[in-house]
Amino acid sequence: MFSFNHVNRRTFLRTTAAAAGSLALRPFGLMPALAQSVSDYRALVCVFLFGGNDSNNTVIPMDDASYKAYTSIRGGLALTGTALAPTITDVNGAPFAFHAKLAEVSAMFASRELAVVANAGPLVQPLTRAQYQAQQLAIPSNLFSHSDQQQLWQTSIAQGRSATGWAGRVADYAAAQKWNTSPFPTFFSTAGNSLMGNGAQTQPVAVAPGQSLQMTGFNSSAASQTRYNAMTSLLTLDSGVALSQAANHVLSNSIVDASLLTNALAKATALKTVFPTTSIGNQLKQVAQVIQVHADLGMNRQIFFVSLGGFDTHAGQINTQVNLYGQLSAALAAFRDATHELVLAPNVTAFTESDFGRTFQSTSGDGSDHAWGSHHLVMGGAVKGGQVFGKFPAFQLGGPDDTDTRGRWIPTTSVDQYGATLASWFGVPDAALPGILPNLANFATPTSPTGKLGFLG
């Protein structure tokens, strides 16, 4: 179903009529010319792992020193033998192994379709252990809190609150540049409302996979169509009441967007790619279907948001990750196959985010606690795969990358750098990136004056 989010002082009503759903208030546009040619289409797909993925078990350096430290410190959480996918080497010959249930992910790394971004997280500026412990520099707000860190990842604002997400600000830029010729929203979620997609001028849309998008209570009969036309006419009347007008615009936009999407999807042939019938599989299937009809929708740029929950593994982590990683890997592989089927693999980039990483040291219940930096996956035809961008922390409790003595890694790559690399590939020029990711300039280096990471071609 369609839904909408709140932004700044705009307070919108959730429409409770029997519509398929609703969109946030935005300019009411004309329907685009359909089936236009879109030659440089780009899509970003965020896969958010809610709960805080213990990425220390996602991918593991397998050089002798690192793996010895890993097995020694992780204890019962350490992956050994058949719990690991076969060791593979990156483009520089360094050995790595993914969790065994990430077999498809491992294969994509080996085939250079997937890269790893190591030890990333919210930062205001680069930070050392000594600076953190002495509180010499600014530190992100409310570290180790689920809700706060989810917001930081989705907004890139490391201190304070933001009513807009970094992808929503990218959508604002796309709208200002008129990259899309449609009133259909740039940001599309299959996982409910997402702060990440809120813009100052643009709003996201949320669609539940498999749900009907059309309003109920109407049919093709003359009487029903008369009622439908009367309703839509009423929505265009100026009542003079701001709250009422906002609700009318929400419903009007919902009707238009539901019609656009339903009509476009009705023209499409069924995808041959078979997706797993899991929540994440169904979400990525819906995304692939919308990407398939991007030209009919008049969309040249799109950003998607899907999610998988359950990663808050304070106990019983091994079994939980077996289940979750199996779902994630199979769904990502199917999505990769679908982009190849659509001949759009170079045009689509999928990437993971999560609340935070988890402690390297285990808990008494064979789980892990909330931490900070974590490793992430980036997948697609434009990705410089088979590489690790950034650096893994030193596997040492109380070591140079630890906030304390439990293996809460201080990130060495920021959310700003991660988002900037994705936004740049999407088409945002370097000069506009600081307006989207305000702390980006703090991460400029002589080898990367823009702060970007370079994992996309």
Protein backbone atom coordinates (compact mmCIF):
# COMPACT_ATOMS: atom_id res chain seq x y z
CA MET A 1 0.00 0.00 0.00
CA PHE A 2 1.11 3.53 -0.60
CA SER A 3 2.13 5.56 2.44
CA PHE A 4 3.88 8.81 3.26
CA ASN A 5 6.24 10.31 5.80
CA HIS A 6 6.39 13.54 7.80
CA VAL A 7 8.90 16.27 6.96
CA ASN A 8 9.77 19.51 8.80
CA ARG A 9 6.70 21.59 9.64
CA ARG A 10 4.54 19.90 7.06
CA THR A 11 2.13 17.71 8.94
CA PHE A 12 0.24 15.45 6.64
CA LEU A 13 -2.78 13.31 7.35
CA ARG A 14 -2.71 9.61 6.79
CA THR A 15 -5.63 9.00 4.46
CA THR A 16 -7.86 6.33 5.89
CA ALA A 17 -10.16 6.08 2.91
CA ALA A 18 -10.31 2.80 1.04
CA ALA A 19 -7.51 3.87 -1.25
CA ALA A 20 -4.59 1.66 -2.02
CA GLY A 21 -2.54 4.12 0.03
CA SER A 22 -1.19 7.61 -0.01
CA LEU A 23 1.82 9.69 -0.95
CA ALA A 24 3.30 12.67 0.79
CA LEU A 25 2.19 16.07 -0.39
CA ARG A 26 4.12 17.20 -3.46
CA PRO A 27 3.34 19.19 -6.60
CA PHE A 28 0.53 17.59 -8.51
CA GLY A 29 1.96 16.93 -11.97
CA LEU A 30 0.77 15.76 -15.33
CA MET A 31 1.05 12.15 -16.37
CA PRO A 32 4.23 11.55 -18.36
CA ALA A 33 4.44 10.40 -21.91
CA LEU A 34 4.80 6.66 -21.59
CA ALA A 35 7.34 4.31 -23.15
CA GLN A 36 9.92 7.07 -23.54
CA SER A 37 13.51 6.18 -24.13
CA VAL A 38 15.67 6.40 -21.01
CA SER A 39 19.26 5.79 -22.10
CA ASP A 40 21.18 6.51 -18.90
CA TYR A 41 18.96 5.01 -16.26
CA ARG A 42 20.46 4.62 -12.77
CA ALA A 43 18.95 2.94 -9.71
CA LEU A 44 20.22 2.63 -6.15
CA VAL A 45 18.81 -0.14 -3.93
CA CYS A 46 19.40 0.10 -0.18
CA VAL A 47 19.11 -3.20 1.70
CA PHE A 48 18.77 -2.24 5.36
CA LEU A 49 19.61 -4.98 7.89
CA PHE A 50 17.62 -3.93 10.95
CA GLY A 51 18.87 -4.82 14.42
CA GLY A 52 22.59 -4.35 13.87
CA ASN A 53 24.28 -7.01 11.77
CA ASP A 54 27.34 -8.65 13.34
CA SER A 55 29.38 -8.18 10.20
CA ASN A 56 32.44 -9.62 11.94
CA ASN A 57 30.89 -12.89 10.73
CA THR A 58 29.84 -11.60 7.31
CA VAL A 59 33.32 -11.58 5.82
CA ILE A 60 36.58 -12.55 7.54
CA PRO A 61 40.21 -11.88 6.57
CA MET A 62 41.86 -15.29 6.27
CA ASP A 63 45.54 -14.40 6.49
CA ASP A 64 47.14 -16.40 9.30
CA ALA A 65 47.50 -13.59 11.84
CA SER A 66 43.97 -12.19 11.36
CA TYR A 67 42.22 -15.55 11.41
CA LYS A 68 44.16 -16.73 14.47
CA ALA A 69 43.13 -13.55 16.35
CA TYR A 70 39.56 -13.94 15.08
CA THR A 71 39.11 -17.50 16.35
CA SER A 72 40.85 -16.75 19.64
CA ILE A 73 38.78 -13.68 20.54
CA ARG A 74 35.40 -14.61 19.09
CA GLY A 75 35.31 -17.95 20.86
CA GLY A 76 31.91 -19.60 20.33
CA LEU A 77 30.97 -17.06 17.65
CA ALA A 78 33.98 -17.88 15.47
CA LEU A 79 33.19 -19.51 12.14
CA THR A 80 35.30 -22.54 11.29
CA GLY A 81 35.23 -25.43 8.83
CA THR A 82 31.93 -25.83 6.98
CA ALA A 83 30.53 -22.67 8.62
CA LEU A 84 32.71 -20.73 6.19
CA ALA A 85 32.38 -20.50 2.44
CA PRO A 86 35.58 -21.51 0.60
CA THR A 87 38.39 -19.01 0.93
CA ILE A 88 38.70 -16.64 -2.02
CA THR A 89 41.18 -13.91 -2.84
CA ASP A 90 40.54 -10.30 -3.66
CA VAL A 91 42.08 -8.58 -6.68
CA ASN A 92 45.27 -8.03 -4.68
CA GLY A 93 45.58 -11.68 -3.68
CA ALA A 94 44.49 -11.23 -0.05
CA PRO A 95 42.44 -14.18 1.29
CA PHE A 96 38.89 -13.75 2.62
CA ALA A 97 36.01 -16.02 3.53
CA PHE A 98 32.31 -15.22 3.79
CA HIS A 99 29.81 -16.94 6.06
CA ALA A 100 28.82 -20.28 4.50
CA LYS A 101 25.21 -19.12 4.10
CA LEU A 102 26.47 -16.19 2.03
CA ALA A 103 27.63 -18.59 -0.68
CA GLU A 104 26.04 -16.57 -3.49
CA VAL A 105 27.55 -13.37 -2.10
CA SER A 106 30.96 -15.06 -1.98
CA ALA A 107 30.56 -16.17 -5.60
CA MET A 108 29.69 -12.62 -6.66
CA PHE A 109 32.79 -11.31 -4.89
CA ALA A 110 34.85 -13.91 -6.73
CA SER A 111 33.26 -12.96 -10.07
CA ARG A 112 33.96 -9.26 -9.41
CA GLU A 113 30.27 -8.28 -9.15
CA LEU A 114 30.40 -7.38 -5.45
CA ALA A 115 32.70 -5.36 -3.22
CA VAL A 116 33.11 -5.00 0.54
CA VAL A 117 33.28 -1.64 2.33
CA ALA A 118 35.06 -2.32 5.60
CA ASN A 119 34.48 -0.77 9.03
CA ALA A 120 32.03 1.96 8.01
CA GLY A 121 29.77 3.97 10.29
CA PRO A 122 28.59 7.42 11.37
CA LEU A 123 31.37 9.94 12.04
CA VAL A 124 31.70 13.70 12.29
CA GLN A 125 35.36 13.55 11.28
CA PRO A 126 38.13 10.93 11.42
CA LEU A 127 38.56 9.75 15.00
CA THR A 128 41.23 7.79 16.85
CA ARG A 129 40.84 5.68 19.99
CA ALA A 130 42.74 8.26 22.04
CA GLN A 131 40.56 11.11 20.76
CA TYR A 132 37.40 9.11 21.43
CA GLN A 133 38.34 8.18 24.97
CA ALA A 134 39.48 11.72 25.82
CA GLN A 135 36.39 13.18 24.08
CA GLN A 136 38.68 15.55 22.21
CA LEU A 137 36.58 15.61 19.04
CA ALA A 138 32.90 15.51 18.24
CA ILE A 139 31.33 12.05 18.48
CA PRO A 140 28.07 10.91 16.82
CA SER A 141 24.98 11.24 18.98
CA ASN A 142 23.71 8.36 21.09
CA LEU A 143 26.10 5.67 19.95
CA PHE A 144 24.96 2.05 20.36
CA SER A 145 21.25 3.03 20.28
CA HIS A 146 19.18 1.21 17.65
CA SER A 147 16.81 4.04 16.70
CA ASP A 148 19.46 6.76 16.78
CA GLN A 149 21.99 4.84 14.73
CA GLN A 150 19.35 3.81 12.20
CA GLN A 151 18.63 7.52 11.77
CA LEU A 152 22.30 8.39 11.47
CA TRP A 153 22.83 5.82 8.73
CA GLN A 154 19.75 7.04 6.87
CA THR A 155 20.40 10.77 7.25
CA SER A 156 24.23 10.98 7.44
CA ILE A 157 23.74 13.67 10.10
CA ALA A 158 26.01 12.42 12.87
CA GLN A 159 24.92 14.91 15.52
CA GLY A 160 21.41 16.17 16.16
CA ARG A 161 18.23 15.34 14.30
CA SER A 162 17.35 15.64 10.64
CA ALA A 163 13.92 15.57 9.05
CA THR A 164 15.47 14.57 5.72
CA GLY A 165 17.48 11.53 4.68
CA TRP A 166 20.56 11.60 2.47
CA ALA A 167 18.70 9.73 -0.27
CA GLY A 168 15.80 12.18 0.06
CA ARG A 169 18.24 15.03 -0.49
CA VAL A 170 19.53 13.19 -3.56
CA ALA A 171 15.89 12.95 -4.73
CA ASP A 172 15.53 16.72 -4.19
CA TYR A 173 18.56 17.26 -6.42
CA ALA A 174 17.14 14.90 -9.05
CA ALA A 175 13.87 16.84 -9.03
CA ALA A 176 15.67 20.17 -9.38
CA GLN A 177 17.58 18.83 -12.37
CA LYS A 178 14.39 17.33 -13.86
CA TRP A 179 16.07 13.98 -14.35
CA ASN A 180 12.67 12.28 -14.29
CA THR A 181 9.80 13.32 -16.54
CA SER A 182 7.15 11.91 -14.23
CA PRO A 183 5.38 12.97 -11.03
CA PHE A 184 6.10 9.48 -9.72
CA PRO A 185 8.36 9.65 -6.62
CA THR A 186 12.09 9.03 -7.01
CA PHE A 187 12.35 7.16 -3.70
CA PHE A 188 10.37 3.90 -3.48
CA SER A 189 10.20 1.74 -0.36
CA THR A 190 8.93 -1.81 -0.02
CA ALA A 191 9.65 -1.76 3.72
CA GLY A 192 7.27 0.89 5.03
CA ASN A 193 8.08 4.50 5.80
CA SER A 194 11.77 5.32 5.64
CA LEU A 195 13.41 8.49 6.90
CA MET A 196 16.17 7.87 4.37
CA GLY A 197 13.87 8.94 1.51
CA ASN A 198 12.45 12.13 3.03
CA GLY A 199 13.47 15.21 1.09
CA ALA A 200 12.79 18.89 1.72
CA GLN A 201 10.87 19.16 -1.56
CA THR A 202 10.27 15.53 -2.43
CA GLN A 203 8.67 12.64 -0.60
CA PRO A 204 8.98 8.86 -0.78
CA VAL A 205 6.35 6.31 -1.63
CA ALA A 206 5.92 2.96 0.13
CA VAL A 207 4.36 -0.08 -1.52
CA ALA A 208 3.88 -3.43 0.18
CA PRO A 209 4.88 -6.24 -2.23
CA GLY A 210 1.90 -8.06 -3.66
CA GLN A 211 -0.67 -5.51 -2.48
CA SER A 212 -3.25 -4.04 -4.86
CA LEU A 213 -2.55 -0.41 -5.64
CA GLN A 214 -6.01 0.52 -6.78
CA MET A 215 -8.83 2.05 -4.75
CA THR A 216 -11.48 -0.38 -3.63
CA GLY A 217 -15.22 0.14 -3.95
CA PHE A 218 -15.20 1.09 -7.64
CA ASN A 219 -15.73 -0.88 -10.83
CA SER A 220 -16.24 -0.24 -14.53
CA SER A 221 -20.02 0.34 -14.33
CA ALA A 222 -21.39 3.75 -15.32
CA ALA A 223 -22.72 4.44 -11.83
CA SER A 224 -19.41 3.51 -10.22
CA GLN A 225 -17.43 5.66 -12.65
CA THR A 226 -19.76 8.59 -11.93
CA ARG A 227 -19.05 8.24 -8.22
CA TYR A 228 -15.33 7.98 -8.90
CA ASN A 229 -15.30 11.11 -11.07
CA ALA A 230 -17.30 13.02 -8.47
CA MET A 231 -14.81 12.04 -5.77
CA THR A 232 -11.77 13.10 -7.79
CA SER A 233 -13.46 16.39 -8.66
CA LEU A 234 -14.07 17.10 -4.98
CA LEU A 235 -10.38 16.61 -4.31
CA THR A 236 -9.53 19.51 -6.61
CA LEU A 237 -11.79 22.01 -4.84
CA ASP A 238 -10.15 24.69 -2.72
CA SER A 239 -11.70 24.39 0.73
CA GLY A 240 -9.56 27.14 2.21
CA VAL A 241 -8.57 24.82 5.05
CA ALA A 242 -4.86 23.99 4.89
CA LEU A 243 -5.15 20.63 6.63
CA SER A 244 -8.02 19.55 4.41
CA GLN A 245 -6.15 20.69 1.30
CA ALA A 246 -3.10 18.71 2.35
CA ALA A 247 -5.17 15.56 2.76
CA ASN A 248 -6.84 16.12 -0.62
CA HIS A 249 -3.48 16.52 -2.34
CA VAL A 250 -2.20 13.37 -0.65
CA LEU A 251 -5.11 11.32 -1.94
CA SER A 252 -5.00 12.94 -5.39
CA ASN A 253 -1.32 12.11 -5.75
CA SER A 254 -1.95 8.59 -4.51
CA ILE A 255 -4.60 8.03 -7.18
CA VAL A 256 -2.32 9.29 -9.95
CA ASP A 257 0.68 7.28 -8.80
CA ALA A 258 -1.33 4.12 -8.26
CA SER A 259 -2.71 4.46 -11.77
CA LEU A 260 0.74 5.10 -13.27
CA LEU A 261 2.32 2.14 -11.55
CA THR A 262 -0.58 -0.26 -12.12
CA ASN A 263 -0.79 0.59 -15.82
CA ALA A 264 2.96 0.29 -16.29
CA LEU A 265 3.16 -3.06 -14.48
CA ALA A 266 0.21 -4.40 -16.48
CA LYS A 267 2.21 -3.96 -19.70
CA ALA A 268 5.24 -5.86 -18.45
CA THR A 269 5.96 -9.49 -19.19
CA ALA A 270 6.60 -11.71 -16.19
CA LEU A 271 10.23 -11.94 -15.14
CA LYS A 272 11.83 -15.30 -15.77
CA THR A 273 14.08 -14.93 -12.76
CA VAL A 274 12.76 -16.92 -9.82
CA PHE A 275 12.93 -15.09 -6.49
CA PRO A 276 12.83 -16.84 -3.11
CA THR A 277 9.44 -16.51 -1.42
CA THR A 278 10.87 -14.78 1.64
CA SER A 279 10.15 -11.25 2.80
CA ILE A 280 13.43 -9.92 1.38
CA GLY A 281 12.95 -12.00 -1.77
CA ASN A 282 9.46 -10.60 -2.34
CA GLN A 283 10.67 -7.05 -1.73
CA LEU A 284 13.52 -7.32 -4.22
CA LYS A 285 11.19 -8.95 -6.73
CA GLN A 286 8.88 -5.91 -6.45
CA VAL A 287 11.87 -3.61 -6.96
CA ALA A 288 12.94 -5.56 -10.06
CA GLN A 289 9.40 -5.31 -11.45
CA VAL A 290 9.35 -1.52 -10.96
CA ILE A 291 12.81 -1.20 -12.52
CA GLN A 292 11.52 -3.22 -15.47
CA VAL A 293 8.88 -0.54 -16.23
CA HIS A 294 11.00 2.52 -15.45
CA ALA A 295 10.69 3.84 -19.00
CA ASP A 296 6.90 3.57 -18.97
CA LEU A 297 6.90 5.41 -15.65
CA GLY A 298 9.08 8.17 -17.07
CA MET A 299 11.83 7.48 -14.54
CA ASN A 300 15.48 8.12 -15.32
CA ARG A 301 16.66 7.90 -11.70
CA GLN A 302 15.21 5.80 -8.88
CA ILE A 303 16.19 4.93 -5.31
CA PHE A 304 14.72 1.87 -3.59
CA PHE A 305 14.61 0.77 0.05
CA VAL A 306 14.12 -2.81 1.21
CA SER A 307 14.83 -4.39 4.58
CA LEU A 308 15.47 -7.56 6.50
CA GLY A 309 15.08 -7.58 10.29
CA GLY A 310 16.16 -9.81 13.15
CA PHE A 311 19.86 -8.93 13.45
CA ASP A 312 19.76 -7.89 17.13
CA THR A 313 21.63 -11.03 18.17
CA HIS A 314 22.27 -10.75 21.91
CA ALA A 315 22.04 -14.54 22.17
CA GLY A 316 21.91 -17.54 19.86
CA GLN A 317 23.66 -15.62 17.11
CA ILE A 318 25.02 -18.57 15.15
CA ASN A 319 21.61 -20.07 14.35
CA THR A 320 20.05 -16.66 13.72
CA GLN A 321 22.71 -15.68 11.21
CA VAL A 322 22.40 -19.03 9.43
CA ASN A 323 18.74 -18.23 8.79
CA LEU A 324 19.11 -14.54 7.96
CA TYR A 325 22.22 -14.83 5.81
CA GLY A 326 20.64 -17.63 3.81
CA GLN A 327 17.65 -15.43 3.04
CA LEU A 328 19.80 -12.40 2.22
CA SER A 329 22.25 -14.19 -0.06
CA ALA A 330 19.58 -16.00 -2.10
CA ALA A 331 17.54 -12.82 -2.55
CA LEU A 332 20.56 -10.74 -3.62
CA ALA A 333 21.56 -13.40 -6.14
CA ALA A 334 18.06 -13.48 -7.62
CA PHE A 335 18.03 -9.71 -7.85
CA ARG A 336 21.41 -9.77 -9.59
CA ASP A 337 20.00 -12.32 -12.06
CA ALA A 338 16.96 -10.12 -12.69
CA THR A 339 19.11 -7.09 -13.53
CA HIS A 340 20.96 -9.25 -16.06
CA GLU A 341 17.66 -10.49 -17.48
CA LEU A 342 16.57 -6.86 -17.89
CA VAL A 343 19.97 -5.98 -19.43
CA LEU A 344 20.35 -3.34 -16.72
CA ALA A 345 23.07 -4.80 -14.49
CA PRO A 346 25.46 -1.84 -15.05
CA ASN A 347 22.59 0.55 -14.28
CA VAL A 348 21.62 -0.83 -10.87
CA THR A 349 23.68 -0.77 -7.65
CA ALA A 350 22.51 -2.48 -4.45
CA PHE A 351 24.15 -1.78 -1.10
CA THR A 352 23.66 -2.72 2.54
CA GLU A 353 23.20 -0.56 5.62
CA SER A 354 22.57 -1.57 9.23
CA ASP A 355 22.13 0.08 12.65
CA PHE A 356 25.71 -0.69 13.68
CA GLY A 357 28.18 -3.52 13.98
CA ARG A 358 28.43 -5.69 17.07
CA THR A 359 31.09 -6.43 19.66
CA PHE A 360 33.93 -8.69 18.58
CA GLN A 361 33.83 -10.25 22.03
CA SER A 362 30.80 -12.49 22.55
CA THR A 363 28.21 -12.36 25.31
CA SER A 364 27.56 -15.15 27.80
CA GLY A 365 24.60 -16.29 25.68
CA ASP A 366 26.63 -16.80 22.51
CA GLY A 367 25.55 -13.47 21.11
CA SER A 368 27.06 -10.01 20.76
CA ASP A 369 26.29 -6.50 21.99
CA HIS A 370 25.74 -3.20 20.22
CA ALA A 371 28.87 -1.70 18.70
CA TRP A 372 29.77 0.80 15.95
CA GLY A 373 31.69 0.22 12.72
CA SER A 374 30.55 -2.58 10.41
CA HIS A 375 31.30 -4.08 7.01
CA HIS A 376 28.92 -3.63 4.08
CA LEU A 377 28.25 -5.14 0.67
CA VAL A 378 27.90 -3.28 -2.64
CA MET A 379 26.65 -5.22 -5.66
CA GLY A 380 26.07 -4.42 -9.33
CA GLY A 381 27.48 -4.28 -12.81
CA ALA A 382 29.19 -0.93 -12.21
CA VAL A 383 30.83 -2.06 -8.95
CA LYS A 384 34.59 -2.56 -8.86
CA GLY A 385 34.08 -6.00 -7.39
CA GLY A 386 36.42 -8.43 -5.74
CA GLN A 387 37.90 -5.62 -3.65
CA VAL A 388 37.76 -4.37 -0.08
CA PHE A 389 37.44 -0.60 0.25
CA GLY A 390 38.55 0.92 3.53
CA LYS A 391 40.35 -1.30 6.00
CA PHE A 392 39.46 -3.98 8.51
CA PRO A 393 40.08 -3.14 12.16
CA ALA A 394 42.93 -4.70 14.10
CA PHE A 395 41.48 -7.80 15.77
CA GLN A 396 42.62 -6.78 19.24
CA LEU A 397 40.48 -6.03 22.28
CA GLY A 398 41.56 -2.65 23.61
CA GLY A 399 43.55 -2.19 20.41
CA PRO A 400 43.91 0.88 18.19
CA ASP A 401 40.45 0.51 16.62
CA ASP A 402 38.49 -0.36 19.78
CA THR A 403 36.41 2.17 21.73
CA ASP A 404 36.89 0.16 24.92
CA THR A 405 37.94 -3.45 25.53
CA ARG A 406 35.18 -5.43 23.80
CA GLY A 407 35.84 -4.84 20.13
CA ARG A 408 33.52 -1.92 19.38
CA TRP A 409 35.29 -0.79 16.23
CA ILE A 410 35.71 2.93 15.63
CA PRO A 411 34.79 3.38 11.95
CA THR A 412 37.58 4.25 9.56
CA THR A 413 35.11 4.97 6.74
CA SER A 414 32.17 7.34 7.25
CA VAL A 415 28.56 7.12 6.15
CA ASP A 416 29.22 10.39 4.28
CA GLN A 417 31.93 8.76 2.17
CA TYR A 418 29.75 5.71 1.51
CA GLY A 419 26.75 7.83 0.52
CA ALA A 420 28.83 10.24 -1.55
CA THR A 421 30.26 7.41 -3.64
CA LEU A 422 26.75 6.11 -4.34
CA ALA A 423 25.29 9.57 -4.99
CA SER A 424 28.13 10.46 -7.34
CA TRP A 425 27.52 7.36 -9.44
CA PHE A 426 23.82 8.27 -9.41
CA GLY A 427 24.75 11.54 -11.13
CA VAL A 428 25.24 14.12 -8.37
CA PRO A 429 28.30 16.27 -9.23
CA ASP A 430 31.09 16.74 -6.71
CA ALA A 431 30.13 20.37 -6.11
CA ALA A 432 26.65 19.36 -4.93
CA LEU A 433 27.73 16.51 -2.65
CA PRO A 434 28.42 18.66 0.47
CA GLY A 435 24.82 19.90 0.37
CA ILE A 436 23.66 16.31 0.59
CA LEU A 437 26.34 14.96 2.95
CA PRO A 438 27.37 17.93 5.13
CA ASN A 439 30.37 16.30 6.86
CA LEU A 440 31.93 14.99 3.66
CA ALA A 441 34.65 17.66 3.49
CA ASN A 442 36.05 16.38 6.80
CA PHE A 443 37.12 13.17 5.08
CA ALA A 444 39.05 14.69 2.20
CA THR A 445 42.56 13.28 1.76
CA PRO A 446 45.37 14.01 -0.70
CA THR A 447 44.52 10.82 -2.59
CA SER A 448 40.75 11.44 -2.41
CA PRO A 449 40.05 15.21 -2.28
CA THR A 450 36.32 14.56 -2.54
CA GLY A 451 36.27 11.92 0.20
CA LYS A 452 34.72 9.35 -2.12
CA LEU A 453 35.75 5.70 -1.91
CA GLY A 454 35.93 4.68 -5.56
CA PHE A 455 34.04 1.38 -5.45
CA LEU A 456 31.89 2.39 -8.44
CA GLY A 457 33.09 2.92 -11.98
